Amino acid sequence: MQHTTFTTTTRGLNRTLLPMRLFEKAKRLGTWNPSDIDLSQDQRDWATFSPDEKELIYLLLGLFVAGEEAVTLDLLPLIEVVAREGRLEEEMYLTTFLFEEAKHTDFFQRVLHEVCGGEVDLAQYHSDNYKQLIYEALPEALLALKTDASPAAQIRASVTYNIIVEGVLAETGYHTFFTMLERNNLMPGLRKGIGLLKQDESRHIAYGIYLLSRLIAKHPDEWETLESHMNALLMPAIGVIGDAFARFEVVPFGLDLNDFIEFATSQFGYRYERLEKARGVSMDEVNRVAIEMI
């Protein structure tokens, strides 16, 4: 299809929209380089860990690196849908997603090879619950957008990616890493990288909440689609956490499964409440509330 007009030469960019606010933050905060992070102390700490402690770190890294690679591979159709709808401000921000997800893949791969040795078959840590989400549900929902750009399809894609994979799994994983490493002052390079990753992912989740709120505000009859998809994916997400802890008779670093189940469900509940408020409100209100939350 040929171009007939351009946003930048007609109405111009709307810099008051949440995606443009996030784009500004991404330009300022999202250009960190995984190759610049010093991993020398991490290497020394790794040498002191027990076999079970190494096993837990391998497990977490195995979940993260595959998850980051999966979203890097599967994300493009969401960007294409937004572009086809002519939402330039959203597309501009979404260009940072692909770069950041690829950068996260790079970071975890570097830790695996430079700190942990990288000779372990990480697929052994991918339980059936994990495969259901990352191997199946994620590509299914995102790649469906190639042929179905309906509000329902966009809702399923964003719920899977932003709410479940990023908002439940990834955020619980960050919480796990910080709980076991921060309290013991271990692996400062990994902690620094995860802190930077968390900043990136918080912007991704903020956009996901905005996208879903926009869709629900305009199509309130699709609330059931959103609600049912969130609920359908919550159980395998919680299952991933349980599967990880179940591998150990005594969980290393003094971790308690209940703490992380509670954390995951609270993240889910908080996002659910935010989305529920978008029913029946105007787009101006969606944008105002979204900006207040970042």
Protein backbone atom coordinates (compact mmCIF):
# COMPACT_ATOMS: atom_id res chain seq x y z
CA MET A 1 0.00 0.00 0.00
CA GLN A 2 1.31 3.43 -0.93
CA HIS A 3 1.50 6.27 1.59
CA THR A 4 -1.00 9.07 1.13
CA THR A 5 -0.15 11.19 4.18
CA PHE A 6 2.21 11.31 7.16
CA THR A 7 1.53 12.00 10.81
CA THR A 8 4.58 14.21 11.18
CA THR A 9 3.53 16.51 8.31
CA THR A 10 -0.14 16.75 9.30
CA ARG A 11 -1.19 16.63 12.95
CA GLY A 12 2.33 16.08 14.30
CA LEU A 13 3.35 13.89 17.23
CA ASN A 14 1.20 13.96 20.36
CA ARG A 15 3.81 14.13 23.09
CA THR A 16 1.19 14.04 25.84
CA LEU A 17 0.40 10.38 25.14
CA LEU A 18 1.80 7.74 27.50
CA PRO A 19 3.75 5.94 24.71
CA MET A 20 5.66 9.16 23.97
CA ARG A 21 6.41 9.63 27.68
CA LEU A 22 7.72 6.07 27.75
CA PHE A 23 9.72 6.68 24.57
CA GLU A 24 11.45 9.61 26.30
CA LYS A 25 12.30 7.37 29.27
CA ALA A 26 13.55 4.62 26.96
CA LYS A 27 15.87 7.04 25.15
CA ARG A 28 17.24 8.24 28.47
CA LEU A 29 17.39 5.00 30.47
CA GLY A 30 17.32 2.13 27.97
CA THR A 31 20.71 2.45 26.28
CA TRP A 32 22.77 0.55 28.85
CA ASN A 33 25.18 -1.99 27.39
CA PRO A 34 25.36 -5.53 28.85
CA SER A 35 28.99 -5.73 27.73
CA ASP A 36 29.92 -2.86 30.08
CA ILE A 37 28.84 -4.68 33.26
CA ASP A 38 31.73 -5.99 35.33
CA LEU A 39 31.22 -9.69 36.10
CA SER A 40 34.58 -10.36 37.80
CA GLN A 41 33.16 -10.54 41.35
CA ASP A 42 30.31 -12.71 40.04
CA GLN A 43 32.89 -15.20 38.79
CA ARG A 44 34.54 -15.30 42.22
CA ASP A 45 31.19 -15.70 43.98
CA TRP A 46 30.17 -18.49 41.60
CA ALA A 47 33.25 -20.50 42.58
CA THR A 48 32.09 -20.51 46.22
CA PHE A 49 28.53 -21.75 45.63
CA SER A 50 27.30 -25.20 46.60
CA PRO A 51 25.96 -27.51 43.86
CA ASP A 52 22.36 -26.72 44.83
CA GLU A 53 23.03 -22.98 44.80
CA LYS A 54 24.54 -23.28 41.32
CA GLU A 55 21.59 -25.41 40.25
CA LEU A 56 19.10 -22.73 41.32
CA ILE A 57 20.99 -19.99 39.50
CA TYR A 58 21.22 -22.14 36.37
CA LEU A 59 17.49 -22.77 36.61
CA LEU A 60 16.61 -19.08 36.90
CA LEU A 61 18.99 -18.09 34.12
CA GLY A 62 17.59 -20.88 31.95
CA LEU A 63 14.06 -19.57 32.40
CA PHE A 64 15.06 -15.99 31.74
CA VAL A 65 17.30 -16.42 28.72
CA ALA A 66 14.78 -18.59 26.86
CA GLY A 67 11.96 -16.23 27.78
CA GLU A 68 13.87 -13.19 26.56
CA GLU A 69 14.76 -14.96 23.32
CA ALA A 70 11.14 -16.02 22.83
CA VAL A 71 9.75 -12.49 23.07
CA THR A 72 12.54 -11.21 20.81
CA LEU A 73 11.47 -13.78 18.21
CA ASP A 74 7.70 -13.32 18.61
CA LEU A 75 7.18 -9.60 19.25
CA LEU A 76 7.23 -8.17 15.72
CA PRO A 77 3.55 -8.84 14.82
CA LEU A 78 2.39 -6.59 17.69
CA ILE A 79 4.53 -3.75 16.34
CA GLU A 80 3.15 -4.36 12.85
CA VAL A 81 -0.47 -4.22 14.05
CA VAL A 82 0.08 -0.91 15.80
CA ALA A 83 1.85 0.45 12.70
CA ARG A 84 -1.01 -0.62 10.42
CA GLU A 85 -3.46 1.22 12.66
CA GLY A 86 -1.44 4.42 12.17
CA ARG A 87 -0.56 4.82 15.85
CA LEU A 88 2.85 6.39 15.22
CA GLU A 89 3.52 7.37 18.83
CA GLU A 90 2.93 3.80 19.97
CA GLU A 91 4.99 2.35 17.14
CA MET A 92 7.88 4.69 17.95
CA TYR A 93 7.90 3.47 21.52
CA LEU A 94 7.49 -0.17 20.49
CA THR A 95 10.68 0.03 18.43
CA THR A 96 12.54 0.10 21.75
CA PHE A 97 10.90 -3.17 22.87
CA LEU A 98 12.65 -5.31 20.30
CA PHE A 99 16.04 -3.72 21.00
CA GLU A 100 15.60 -4.13 24.75
CA GLU A 101 14.42 -7.74 24.62
CA ALA A 102 17.39 -8.61 22.40
CA LYS A 103 19.69 -6.80 24.83
CA HIS A 104 18.25 -8.81 27.74
CA THR A 105 18.93 -12.04 25.85
CA ASP A 106 22.49 -10.85 25.33
CA PHE A 107 22.93 -10.08 29.04
CA PHE A 108 21.76 -13.44 30.36
CA GLN A 109 23.76 -15.29 27.73
CA ARG A 110 26.86 -13.37 28.80
CA VAL A 111 26.33 -14.29 32.47
CA LEU A 112 25.82 -17.93 31.56
CA HIS A 113 29.01 -18.19 29.54
CA GLU A 114 31.36 -15.83 31.39
CA VAL A 115 30.28 -16.62 34.96
CA CYS A 116 28.61 -20.03 34.99
CA GLY A 117 30.46 -21.80 32.21
CA GLY A 118 27.44 -22.27 29.95
CA GLU A 119 27.89 -26.02 29.46
CA VAL A 120 24.59 -27.06 31.06
CA ASP A 121 21.53 -28.11 29.03
CA LEU A 122 19.18 -25.37 30.18
CA ALA A 123 16.13 -26.95 28.55
CA GLN A 124 16.04 -29.43 31.44
CA TYR A 125 14.71 -26.58 33.60
CA HIS A 126 11.75 -25.91 31.32
CA SER A 127 8.80 -27.62 32.98
CA ASP A 128 5.49 -28.40 31.29
CA ASN A 129 3.99 -25.24 32.78
CA TYR A 130 6.86 -23.16 31.41
CA LYS A 131 6.54 -24.77 27.98
CA GLN A 132 2.81 -24.12 27.97
CA LEU A 133 3.48 -20.40 28.39
CA ILE A 134 6.76 -19.73 26.58
CA TYR A 135 6.84 -22.46 23.92
CA GLU A 136 3.12 -22.38 23.11
CA ALA A 137 0.90 -19.57 24.47
CA LEU A 138 3.33 -16.71 23.79
CA PRO A 139 4.02 -17.41 20.10
CA GLU A 140 0.44 -18.50 19.52
CA ALA A 141 -0.97 -15.20 20.84
CA LEU A 142 1.59 -12.88 19.24
CA LEU A 143 1.90 -14.62 15.87
CA ALA A 144 -1.89 -14.76 15.56
CA LEU A 145 -1.73 -11.00 14.99
CA LYS A 146 -0.29 -11.67 11.54
CA THR A 147 -3.74 -12.70 10.34
CA ASP A 148 -6.08 -11.38 13.05
CA ALA A 149 -5.72 -7.80 14.27
CA SER A 150 -9.07 -7.74 16.06
CA PRO A 151 -9.34 -6.18 19.53
CA ALA A 152 -9.77 -9.67 21.00
CA ALA A 153 -6.57 -10.92 19.37
CA GLN A 154 -4.64 -7.86 20.54
CA ILE A 155 -5.96 -8.37 24.06
CA ARG A 156 -4.84 -12.01 24.12
CA ALA A 157 -1.40 -11.04 22.81
CA SER A 158 -0.81 -8.26 25.34
CA VAL A 159 -2.18 -10.25 28.28
CA THR A 160 0.14 -13.15 27.44
CA TYR A 161 3.21 -11.00 26.89
CA ASN A 162 2.85 -7.98 29.18
CA ILE A 163 0.69 -9.24 32.03
CA ILE A 164 1.72 -12.89 32.41
CA VAL A 165 5.22 -13.32 30.93
CA GLU A 166 6.55 -9.92 32.01
CA GLY A 167 4.24 -8.95 34.85
CA VAL A 168 4.05 -12.29 36.67
CA LEU A 169 6.91 -14.56 35.57
CA ALA A 170 9.69 -12.05 34.94
CA GLU A 171 8.91 -9.81 37.90
CA THR A 172 8.78 -12.81 40.23
CA GLY A 173 12.11 -13.93 38.79
CA TYR A 174 13.66 -10.52 39.49
CA HIS A 175 12.28 -10.67 43.01
CA THR A 176 13.83 -14.11 43.46
CA PHE A 177 17.26 -12.99 42.27
CA PHE A 178 17.26 -9.90 44.48
CA THR A 179 16.00 -11.80 47.52
CA MET A 180 18.75 -14.41 47.38
CA LEU A 181 21.64 -12.24 46.14
CA GLU A 182 21.03 -8.80 47.65
CA ARG A 183 20.65 -10.07 51.20
CA ASN A 184 23.96 -11.96 50.87
CA ASN A 185 25.78 -9.27 48.83
CA LEU A 186 26.51 -11.73 46.02
CA MET A 187 26.98 -11.42 42.23
CA PRO A 188 26.92 -7.60 41.94
CA GLY A 189 27.16 -7.70 38.15
CA LEU A 190 24.11 -9.91 37.80
CA ARG A 191 22.23 -7.72 40.27
CA LYS A 192 23.16 -4.57 38.37
CA GLY A 193 22.04 -6.05 35.06
CA ILE A 194 18.75 -7.27 36.51
CA GLY A 195 18.11 -3.83 38.01
CA LEU A 196 18.53 -2.30 34.55
CA LEU A 197 16.40 -5.01 32.97
CA LYS A 198 13.67 -4.35 35.51
CA GLN A 199 13.61 -0.67 34.49
CA ASP A 200 13.15 -1.69 30.86
CA GLU A 201 10.44 -4.22 31.68
CA SER A 202 8.55 -1.76 33.89
CA ARG A 203 8.13 0.46 30.81
CA HIS A 204 6.97 -2.54 28.78
CA ILE A 205 4.35 -3.43 31.39
CA ALA A 206 3.20 0.20 31.63
CA TYR A 207 2.62 0.19 27.87
CA GLY A 208 0.81 -3.15 28.09
CA ILE A 209 -1.54 -1.75 30.72
CA TYR A 210 -2.12 1.29 28.49
CA LEU A 211 -2.76 -0.84 25.38
CA LEU A 212 -5.19 -3.13 27.18
CA SER A 213 -6.92 -0.18 28.86
CA ARG A 214 -7.28 1.54 25.49
CA LEU A 215 -8.79 -1.58 23.96
CA ILE A 216 -11.19 -2.17 26.85
CA ALA A 217 -12.24 1.50 26.97
CA LYS A 218 -13.14 1.37 23.28
CA HIS A 219 -14.45 -2.21 23.27
CA PRO A 220 -15.96 -2.85 26.73
CA ASP A 221 -17.65 -5.99 25.41
CA GLU A 222 -14.17 -7.57 25.20
CA TRP A 223 -13.70 -7.49 28.98
CA GLU A 224 -14.64 -11.17 29.17
CA THR A 225 -11.88 -11.95 26.65
CA LEU A 226 -9.32 -10.20 28.83
CA GLU A 227 -10.55 -11.65 32.10
CA SER A 228 -10.80 -15.22 30.85
CA HIS A 229 -7.35 -15.11 29.22
CA MET A 230 -5.71 -13.69 32.34
CA ASN A 231 -7.31 -16.36 34.51
CA ALA A 232 -6.44 -19.16 32.08
CA LEU A 233 -2.74 -18.25 32.14
CA LEU A 234 -2.39 -17.51 35.84
CA MET A 235 -2.31 -21.15 36.92
CA PRO A 236 0.55 -22.25 34.62
CA ALA A 237 2.43 -19.09 35.64
CA ILE A 238 2.10 -20.00 39.31
CA GLY A 239 2.97 -23.55 38.30
CA VAL A 240 6.32 -22.42 36.89
CA ILE A 241 7.24 -21.05 40.33
CA GLY A 242 6.14 -24.22 42.10
CA ASP A 243 8.02 -26.39 39.61
CA ALA A 244 11.23 -24.49 40.28
CA PHE A 245 11.02 -24.88 44.06
CA ALA A 246 9.97 -28.53 43.79
CA ARG A 247 13.40 -29.45 42.38
CA PHE A 248 15.00 -28.93 45.79
CA GLU A 249 14.54 -30.80 49.05
CA VAL A 250 15.90 -27.73 50.83
CA VAL A 251 15.66 -24.59 48.68
CA PRO A 252 19.03 -22.78 48.51
CA PHE A 253 19.59 -19.29 49.94
CA GLY A 254 16.77 -19.79 52.46
CA LEU A 255 14.00 -19.08 49.95
CA ASP A 256 10.37 -19.85 50.87
CA LEU A 257 7.95 -20.84 48.09
CA ASN A 258 4.99 -19.09 49.75
CA ASP A 259 6.75 -15.70 49.60
CA PHE A 260 7.05 -15.93 45.83
CA ILE A 261 3.56 -17.32 45.20
CA GLU A 262 2.21 -14.40 47.21
CA PHE A 263 4.38 -11.94 45.28
CA ALA A 264 3.25 -13.33 41.89
CA THR A 265 -0.45 -13.31 42.76
CA SER A 266 -0.22 -9.77 44.15
CA GLN A 267 1.37 -8.54 40.90
CA PHE A 268 -1.41 -10.25 38.95
CA GLY A 269 -4.11 -8.80 41.20
CA TYR A 270 -2.72 -5.28 41.02
CA ARG A 271 -2.71 -5.33 37.19
CA TYR A 272 -6.21 -6.84 37.11
CA GLU A 273 -7.56 -4.01 39.27
CA ARG A 274 -5.86 -1.42 37.05
CA LEU A 275 -7.40 -2.89 33.92
CA GLU A 276 -10.85 -3.20 35.45
CA LYS A 277 -10.91 0.57 35.95
CA ALA A 278 -10.66 1.10 32.17
CA ARG A 279 -14.17 -0.22 31.59
CA GLY A 280 -16.45 2.61 30.47
CA VAL A 281 -13.92 5.47 30.71
CA SER A 282 -12.71 7.86 28.03
CA MET A 283 -9.36 7.64 26.26
CA ASP A 284 -8.32 10.90 27.90
CA GLU A 285 -8.93 9.27 31.28
CA VAL A 286 -7.01 6.13 30.24
CA ASN A 287 -4.04 8.28 29.24
CA ARG A 288 -4.22 10.46 32.36
CA VAL A 289 -4.29 7.52 34.77
CA ALA A 290 -1.51 5.72 32.85
CA ILE A 291 0.77 8.77 33.04
CA GLU A 292 0.12 9.14 36.77
CA MET A 293 1.30 5.58 37.32
CA ILE A 294 4.75 5.89 35.68
